[in-house]
C-alpha atoms as a PDB file:
ATOM      1  CA  MET A   1     -28.932 -15.330  -7.460  1.00  0.00           C
ATOM      2  CA  THR A   2     -32.413 -14.265  -6.255  1.00  0.00           C
ATOM      3  CA  ILE A   3     -33.453 -10.688  -5.624  1.00  0.00           C
ATOM      4  CA  ARG A   4     -33.974 -11.561  -1.964  1.00  0.00           C
ATOM      5  CA  SER A   5     -30.451 -12.880  -1.549  1.00  0.00           C
ATOM      6  CA  LEU A   6     -28.954  -9.868  -3.338  1.00  0.00           C
ATOM      7  CA  GLY A   7     -30.924  -7.518  -1.102  1.00  0.00           C
ATOM      8  CA  ALA A   8     -29.806  -9.410   1.980  1.00  0.00           C
ATOM      9  CA  ARG A   9     -26.180  -9.137   0.836  1.00  0.00           C
ATOM     10  CA  ARG A  10     -26.552  -5.398   0.346  1.00  0.00           C
ATOM     11  CA  ALA A  11     -28.175  -4.955   3.748  1.00  0.00           C
ATOM     12  CA  ALA A  12     -25.424  -6.972   5.403  1.00  0.00           C
ATOM     13  CA  LEU A  13     -22.689  -4.915   3.738  1.00  0.00           C
ATOM     14  CA  LEU A  14     -24.307  -1.633   4.695  1.00  0.00           C
ATOM     15  CA  ALA A  15     -25.052  -2.717   8.259  1.00  0.00           C
ATOM     16  CA  GLY A  16     -21.479  -3.924   8.646  1.00  0.00           C
ATOM     17  CA  SER A  17     -20.080  -0.621   7.467  1.00  0.00           C
ATOM     18  CA  VAL A  18     -22.159   1.323   9.997  1.00  0.00           C
ATOM     19  CA  ALA A  19     -20.932  -0.863  12.831  1.00  0.00           C
ATOM     20  CA  MET A  20     -17.233  -0.426  11.977  1.00  0.00           C
ATOM     21  CA  VAL A  21     -15.202   1.709  14.350  1.00  0.00           C
ATOM     22  CA  GLY A  22     -12.838   4.368  13.081  1.00  0.00           C
ATOM     23  CA  LEU A  23     -14.784   5.619  10.076  1.00  0.00           C
ATOM     24  CA  LEU A  24     -12.605   7.728   7.838  1.00  0.00           C
ATOM     25  CA  ALA A  25     -13.781  11.285   7.282  1.00  0.00           C
ATOM     26  CA  GLY A  26     -14.242  12.529   3.720  1.00  0.00           C
ATOM     27  CA  CYS A  27     -11.608  14.728   2.231  1.00  0.00           C
ATOM     28  CA  GLY A  28     -13.773  17.903   2.424  1.00  0.00           C
ATOM     29  CA  SER A  29     -12.103  20.906   3.977  1.00  0.00           C
ATOM     30  CA  GLY A  30     -14.764  21.396   6.642  1.00  0.00           C
ATOM     31  CA  ASP A  31     -14.739  25.121   5.851  1.00  0.00           C
ATOM     32  CA  ASP A  32     -18.303  26.476   5.929  1.00  0.00           C
ATOM     33  CA  THR A  33     -17.597  28.452   2.754  1.00  0.00           C
ATOM     34  CA  ALA A  34     -17.203  25.177   0.857  1.00  0.00           C
ATOM     35  CA  ASN A  35     -20.913  24.532   1.359  1.00  0.00           C
ATOM     36  CA  ALA A  36     -22.120  27.924   0.149  1.00  0.00           C
ATOM     37  CA  PRO A  37     -24.066  27.988  -3.110  1.00  0.00           C
ATOM     38  CA  ARG A  38     -21.927  29.002  -6.092  1.00  0.00           C
ATOM     39  CA  THR A  39     -22.971  31.190  -8.983  1.00  0.00           C
ATOM     40  CA  GLY A  40     -23.106  29.837 -12.509  1.00  0.00           C
ATOM     41  CA  SER A  41     -23.626  26.320 -13.761  1.00  0.00           C
ATOM     42  CA  GLY A  42     -22.856  24.078 -16.706  1.00  0.00           C
ATOM     43  CA  THR A  43     -19.131  24.798 -16.706  1.00  0.00           C
ATOM     44  CA  THR A  44     -16.097  22.837 -15.605  1.00  0.00           C
ATOM     45  CA  THR A  45     -13.933  25.925 -15.185  1.00  0.00           C
ATOM     46  CA  PRO A  46     -12.697  25.954 -11.555  1.00  0.00           C
ATOM     47  CA  SER A  47     -13.727  28.984  -9.506  1.00  0.00           C
ATOM     48  CA  ALA A  48     -11.098  30.776  -7.458  1.00  0.00           C
ATOM     49  CA  GLY A  49     -10.692  29.233  -4.017  1.00  0.00           C
ATOM     50  CA  THR A  50     -12.860  26.176  -4.700  1.00  0.00           C
ATOM     51  CA  SER A  51     -10.072  23.586  -4.816  1.00  0.00           C
ATOM     52  CA  GLY A  52     -10.878  22.770  -8.427  1.00  0.00           C
ATOM     53  CA  ALA A  53     -14.589  22.162  -7.890  1.00  0.00           C
ATOM     54  CA  PRO A  54     -16.706  23.031 -10.925  1.00  0.00           C
ATOM     55  CA  SER A  55     -18.827  26.142 -10.453  1.00  0.00           C
ATOM     56  CA  GLY A  56     -22.167  25.405  -8.831  1.00  0.00           C
ATOM     57  CA  VAL A  57     -21.028  22.117  -7.226  1.00  0.00           C
ATOM     58  CA  PRO A  58     -20.452  21.663  -3.471  1.00  0.00           C
ATOM     59  CA  THR A  59     -16.707  21.229  -2.917  1.00  0.00           C
ATOM     60  CA  ASP A  60     -17.391  18.155  -0.784  1.00  0.00           C
ATOM     61  CA  ALA A  61     -19.012  16.305  -3.664  1.00  0.00           C
ATOM     62  CA  VAL A  62     -15.725  16.577  -5.543  1.00  0.00           C
ATOM     63  CA  SER A  63     -13.118  16.315  -2.808  1.00  0.00           C
ATOM     64  CA  ASN A  64     -14.539  13.206  -1.168  1.00  0.00           C
ATOM     65  CA  SER A  65     -14.400  11.362  -4.496  1.00  0.00           C
ATOM     66  CA  LEU A  66     -10.590  11.533  -4.495  1.00  0.00           C
ATOM     67  CA  THR A  67      -9.224   8.136  -3.501  1.00  0.00           C
ATOM     68  CA  PRO A  68      -5.869   8.032  -1.674  1.00  0.00           C
ATOM     69  CA  SER A  69      -3.468   5.295  -2.757  1.00  0.00           C
ATOM     70  CA  ALA A  70      -5.483   4.182  -5.773  1.00  0.00           C
ATOM     71  CA  PRO A  71      -3.780   1.483  -7.886  1.00  0.00           C
ATOM     72  CA  GLU A  72      -1.635   2.830 -10.682  1.00  0.00           C
ATOM     73  CA  SER A  73      -3.467   2.661 -13.999  1.00  0.00           C
ATOM     74  CA  PRO A  74      -1.913   1.187 -17.138  1.00  0.00           C
ATOM     75  CA  ALA A  75      -0.636   3.575 -19.791  1.00  0.00           C
ATOM     76  CA  GLY A  76      -3.561   5.540 -21.133  1.00  0.00           C
ATOM     77  CA  GLY A  77      -5.618   4.778 -18.004  1.00  0.00           C
ATOM     78  CA  THR A  78      -8.754   2.717 -17.601  1.00  0.00           C
ATOM     79  CA  ARG A  79     -10.602   4.898 -15.070  1.00  0.00           C
ATOM     80  CA  CYS A  80     -14.233   5.612 -15.865  1.00  0.00           C
ATOM     81  CA  HIS A  81     -14.806   9.298 -16.540  1.00  0.00           C
ATOM     82  CA  THR A  82     -17.923  11.230 -15.661  1.00  0.00           C
ATOM     83  CA  SER A  83     -18.827  11.688 -19.321  1.00  0.00           C
ATOM     84  CA  GLU A  84     -18.971   7.899 -19.726  1.00  0.00           C
ATOM     85  CA  LEU A  85     -21.290   7.250 -16.788  1.00  0.00           C
ATOM     86  CA  SER A  86     -24.876   7.675 -15.688  1.00  0.00           C
ATOM     87  CA  ALA A  87     -25.923   7.793 -12.030  1.00  0.00           C
ATOM     88  CA  SER A  88     -28.990   6.595 -10.161  1.00  0.00           C
ATOM     89  CA  VAL A  89     -30.075   5.829  -6.609  1.00  0.00           C
ATOM     90  CA  GLY A  90     -31.573   2.405  -5.970  1.00  0.00           C
ATOM     91  CA  ARG A  91     -34.335   1.255  -3.657  1.00  0.00           C
ATOM     92  CA  ASN A  92     -33.972   1.823   0.077  1.00  0.00           C
ATOM     93  CA  ASN A  93     -33.278  -1.316   2.088  1.00  0.00           C
ATOM     94  CA  PRO A  94     -33.885  -0.164   5.686  1.00  0.00           C
ATOM     95  CA  GLY A  95     -32.826  -2.087   8.753  1.00  0.00           C
ATOM     96  CA  ALA A  96     -31.776  -1.627  12.396  1.00  0.00           C
ATOM     97  CA  GLY A  97     -32.797   2.030  12.385  1.00  0.00           C
ATOM     98  CA  GLN A  98     -30.771   2.735   9.238  1.00  0.00           C
ATOM     99  CA  GLU A  99     -31.772   3.898   5.776  1.00  0.00           C
ATOM    100  CA  ASN A 100     -29.580   2.163   3.183  1.00  0.00           C
ATOM    101  CA  PHE A 101     -29.374   3.186  -0.475  1.00  0.00           C
ATOM    102  CA  PRO A 102     -27.185   1.953  -3.344  1.00  0.00           C
ATOM    103  CA  VAL A 103     -25.625   4.760  -5.381  1.00  0.00           C
ATOM    104  CA  VAL A 104     -25.268   3.219  -8.838  1.00  0.00           C
ATOM    105  CA  LEU A 105     -22.946   4.217 -11.684  1.00  0.00           C
ATOM    106  CA  THR A 106     -23.472   2.613 -15.089  1.00  0.00           C
ATOM    107  CA  ASN A 107     -20.985   2.557 -17.957  1.00  0.00           C
ATOM    108  CA  GLU A 108     -22.701   4.193 -20.928  1.00  0.00           C
ATOM    109  CA  SER A 109     -19.584   4.233 -23.112  1.00  0.00           C
ATOM    110  CA  SER A 110     -18.361   1.758 -25.738  1.00  0.00           C
ATOM    111  CA  ARG A 111     -15.193   0.851 -23.816  1.00  0.00           C
ATOM    112  CA  THR A 112     -14.449  -1.104 -20.648  1.00  0.00           C
ATOM    113  CA  CYS A 113     -13.431   1.132 -17.746  1.00  0.00           C
ATOM    114  CA  THR A 114     -12.808   0.806 -14.009  1.00  0.00           C
ATOM    115  CA  LEU A 115     -13.970   2.335 -10.734  1.00  0.00           C
ATOM    116  CA  TYR A 116     -11.958   2.225  -7.515  1.00  0.00           C
ATOM    117  CA  GLY A 117     -12.936   3.630  -4.157  1.00  0.00           C
ATOM    118  CA  TYR A 118     -15.791   5.891  -3.112  1.00  0.00           C
ATOM    119  CA  PRO A 119     -18.083   8.331  -4.869  1.00  0.00           C
ATOM    120  CA  GLY A 120     -18.186  11.947  -3.820  1.00  0.00           C
ATOM    121  CA  THR A 121     -21.701  12.662  -2.577  1.00  0.00           C
ATOM    122  CA  ALA A 122     -23.624  15.660  -1.293  1.00  0.00           C
ATOM    123  CA  PHE A 123     -27.310  16.311  -0.710  1.00  0.00           C
ATOM    124  CA  VAL A 124     -28.262  19.709  -2.144  1.00  0.00           C
ATOM    125  CA  ASP A 125     -31.316  21.922  -2.139  1.00  0.00           C
ATOM    126  CA  ALA A 126     -32.911  23.463  -5.227  1.00  0.00           C
ATOM    127  CA  SER A 127     -30.340  26.291  -5.213  1.00  0.00           C
ATOM    128  CA  GLY A 128     -27.418  23.839  -5.138  1.00  0.00           C
ATOM    129  CA  LYS A 129     -26.468  24.491  -1.497  1.00  0.00           C
ATOM    130  CA  GLN A 130     -25.157  21.451   0.370  1.00  0.00           C
ATOM    131  CA  LEU A 131     -27.398  20.082   3.115  1.00  0.00           C
ATOM    132  CA  GLY A 132     -25.863  18.386   6.138  1.00  0.00           C
ATOM    133  CA  PRO A 133     -22.287  17.509   7.084  1.00  0.00           C
ATOM    134  CA  ASP A 134     -19.640  15.921   4.897  1.00  0.00           C
ATOM    135  CA  PRO A 135     -20.086  12.158   4.398  1.00  0.00           C
ATOM    136  CA  LYS A 136     -17.857   9.711   6.235  1.00  0.00           C
ATOM    137  CA  ARG A 137     -16.166   6.685   4.678  1.00  0.00           C
ATOM    138  CA  SER A 138     -16.181   3.193   6.106  1.00  0.00           C
ATOM    139  CA  SER A 139     -12.880   1.430   6.659  1.00  0.00           C
ATOM    140  CA  ALA A 140     -13.803  -1.277   4.137  1.00  0.00           C
ATOM    141  CA  GLU A 141     -11.022  -2.065   1.661  1.00  0.00           C
ATOM    142  CA  PRO A 142     -11.863  -0.748  -1.842  1.00  0.00           C
ATOM    143  CA  GLU A 143     -11.655  -3.049  -4.851  1.00  0.00           C
ATOM    144  CA  THR A 144     -11.156  -2.274  -8.510  1.00  0.00           C
ATOM    145  CA  VAL A 145     -14.460  -2.805 -10.323  1.00  0.00           C
ATOM    146  CA  LYS A 146     -14.244  -3.403 -14.066  1.00  0.00           C
ATOM    147  CA  LEU A 147     -17.255  -2.200 -16.039  1.00  0.00           C
ATOM    148  CA  ALA A 148     -17.892  -3.435 -19.552  1.00  0.00           C
ATOM    149  CA  PRO A 149     -20.305  -1.304 -21.594  1.00  0.00           C
ATOM    150  CA  GLY A 150     -23.719  -1.394 -19.917  1.00  0.00           C
ATOM    151  CA  GLN A 151     -22.460  -2.787 -16.610  1.00  0.00           C
ATOM    152  CA  SER A 152     -22.926  -1.092 -13.222  1.00  0.00           C
ATOM    153  CA  ALA A 153     -21.256  -0.695  -9.848  1.00  0.00           C
ATOM    154  CA  TRP A 154     -22.808   0.450  -6.592  1.00  0.00           C
ATOM    155  CA  ALA A 155     -21.598   2.165  -3.434  1.00  0.00           C
ATOM    156  CA  GLY A 156     -23.577   2.068  -0.208  1.00  0.00           C
ATOM    157  CA  LEU A 157     -24.971   5.278   1.283  1.00  0.00           C
ATOM    158  CA  SER A 158     -26.562   5.012   4.717  1.00  0.00           C
ATOM    159  CA  PHE A 159     -27.792   7.225   7.529  1.00  0.00           C
ATOM    160  CA  ALA A 160     -29.758   6.837  10.740  1.00  0.00           C
ATOM    161  CA  ASN A 161     -33.522   7.152  10.379  1.00  0.00           C
ATOM    162  CA  PRO A 162     -34.240  10.673  11.662  1.00  0.00           C
ATOM    163  CA  GLU A 163     -37.409   9.511  13.411  1.00  0.00           C
ATOM    164  CA  VAL A 164     -35.242   7.173  15.467  1.00  0.00           C
ATOM    165  CA  SER A 165     -32.189   9.394  15.948  1.00  0.00           C
ATOM    166  CA  GLY A 166     -33.982  12.684  16.505  1.00  0.00           C
ATOM    167  CA  ALA A 167     -31.637  14.494  14.096  1.00  0.00           C
ATOM    168  CA  GLY A 168     -32.697  17.686  12.367  1.00  0.00           C
ATOM    169  CA  THR A 169     -33.894  17.060   8.819  1.00  0.00           C
ATOM    170  CA  ALA A 170     -34.283  18.604   5.385  1.00  0.00           C
ATOM    171  CA  THR A 171     -35.652  17.313   2.099  1.00  0.00           C
ATOM    172  CA  PRO A 172     -33.005  17.514  -0.653  1.00  0.00           C
ATOM    173  CA  ALA A 173     -33.789  18.336  -4.240  1.00  0.00           C
ATOM    174  CA  ALA A 174     -30.950  16.149  -5.497  1.00  0.00           C
ATOM    175  CA  LEU A 175     -27.954  14.002  -4.650  1.00  0.00           C
ATOM    176  CA  VAL A 176     -24.758  15.170  -6.352  1.00  0.00           C
ATOM    177  CA  VAL A 177     -22.516  12.202  -7.219  1.00  0.00           C
ATOM    178  CA  THR A 178     -18.907  12.511  -8.382  1.00  0.00           C
ATOM    179  CA  PRO A 179     -17.191   9.338  -9.683  1.00  0.00           C
ATOM    180  CA  PRO A 180     -13.896   8.379  -7.998  1.00  0.00           C
ATOM    181  CA  ASP A 181     -11.002  10.729  -8.823  1.00  0.00           C
ATOM    182  CA  GLU A 182     -13.173  12.825 -11.145  1.00  0.00           C
ATOM    183  CA  GLU A 183     -14.143  16.484 -10.774  1.00  0.00           C
ATOM    184  CA  ASP A 184     -17.246  16.704 -12.949  1.00  0.00           C
ATOM    185  CA  PRO A 185     -20.356  15.522 -11.054  1.00  0.00           C
ATOM    186  CA  LEU A 186     -23.627  13.868 -11.929  1.00  0.00           C
ATOM    187  CA  LYS A 187     -26.898  14.960 -10.340  1.00  0.00           C
ATOM    188  CA  VAL A 188     -29.708  12.584  -9.380  1.00  0.00           C
ATOM    189  CA  ALA A 189     -33.140  13.826  -8.296  1.00  0.00           C
ATOM    190  CA  TRP A 190     -33.739  12.770  -4.675  1.00  0.00           C
ATOM    191  CA  LYS A 191     -37.194  11.203  -4.218  1.00  0.00           C
ATOM    192  CA  SER A 192     -36.783   9.461  -0.862  1.00  0.00           C
ATOM    193  CA  GLY A 193     -37.868  12.201   1.529  1.00  0.00           C
ATOM    194  CA  GLU A 194     -36.111  13.739   4.491  1.00  0.00           C
ATOM    195  CA  VAL A 195     -32.466  13.166   5.387  1.00  0.00           C
ATOM    196  CA  PRO A 196     -30.603  14.080   8.589  1.00  0.00           C
ATOM    197  CA  VAL A 197     -28.711  17.375   8.373  1.00  0.00           C
ATOM    198  CA  SER A 198     -27.994  18.421  11.970  1.00  0.00           C
ATOM    199  CA  GLY A 199     -27.449  16.866  15.375  1.00  0.00           C
ATOM    200  CA  ASN A 200     -25.248  14.070  16.679  1.00  0.00           C
ATOM    201  CA  GLU A 201     -26.741  11.424  14.372  1.00  0.00           C
ATOM    202  CA  SER A 202     -26.679  13.394  11.134  1.00  0.00           C
ATOM    203  CA  SER A 203     -23.685  11.712   9.465  1.00  0.00           C
ATOM    204  CA  VAL A 204     -24.054  10.063   6.086  1.00  0.00           C
ATOM    205  CA  ARG A 205     -21.771   7.029   5.652  1.00  0.00           C
ATOM    206  CA  LEU A 206     -20.341   5.504   2.482  1.00  0.00           C
ATOM    207  CA  ILE A 207     -18.962   2.109   1.570  1.00  0.00           C
ATOM    208  CA  PRO A 208     -16.805   1.673  -1.581  1.00  0.00           C
ATOM    209  CA  PHE A 209     -17.954   0.474  -4.967  1.00  0.00           C
ATOM    210  CA  SER A 210     -18.803  -3.180  -5.626  1.00  0.00           C
ATOM    211  CA  PRO A 211     -19.982  -4.830  -8.866  1.00  0.00           C
ATOM    212  CA  GLY A 212     -23.684  -4.793  -9.708  1.00  0.00           C
ATOM    213  CA  THR A 213     -26.570  -2.526  -8.741  1.00  0.00           C
ATOM    214  CA  GLY A 214     -26.943  -3.465  -5.076  1.00  0.00           C
ATOM    215  CA  ALA A 215     -30.507  -4.689  -5.733  1.00  0.00           C
END
């Protein structure tokens, strides 16, 4: 398949998700305290009152990775764990006033594992404070993606171009990405400029994981 056709497929999927009615809100609590910067880093010990989020990680980046009604795993489980994955953000594929990015997870382990559902995501500043509202999920039906060693899966992340929407903006230092049903996050440096953080058109939208890199 050519790069052009793969890019067109990604753009079509992302555009379709934005147009869907009845987007499902992420599982974040909506409590402003969930977005406050947390002290400490480099530990997975839950802080009191953080709903199990590792210290220093926005609660939303963890809670919106939890996938309701995920298929039951075989004995021993096949789910990909954070320690087995690397994260990256692919090239923007803009269209119809939208900025569309693939959030890519790659299996770095020696075993085959699976992803199902949505990543937890949060834009953060240099201090680790979340920027903008909680992401919203599309109503697209998730699929189980099997990743052999070295293989990747991508989830679509899109938002309205702030120059078009007039939303308030900020420039994140990083995108925090939590694999489905995991609590430990991965952090990816954000190099794509301003994102919407306030106003009626500030929502970030997600579509579930599909095989490949979304390129």
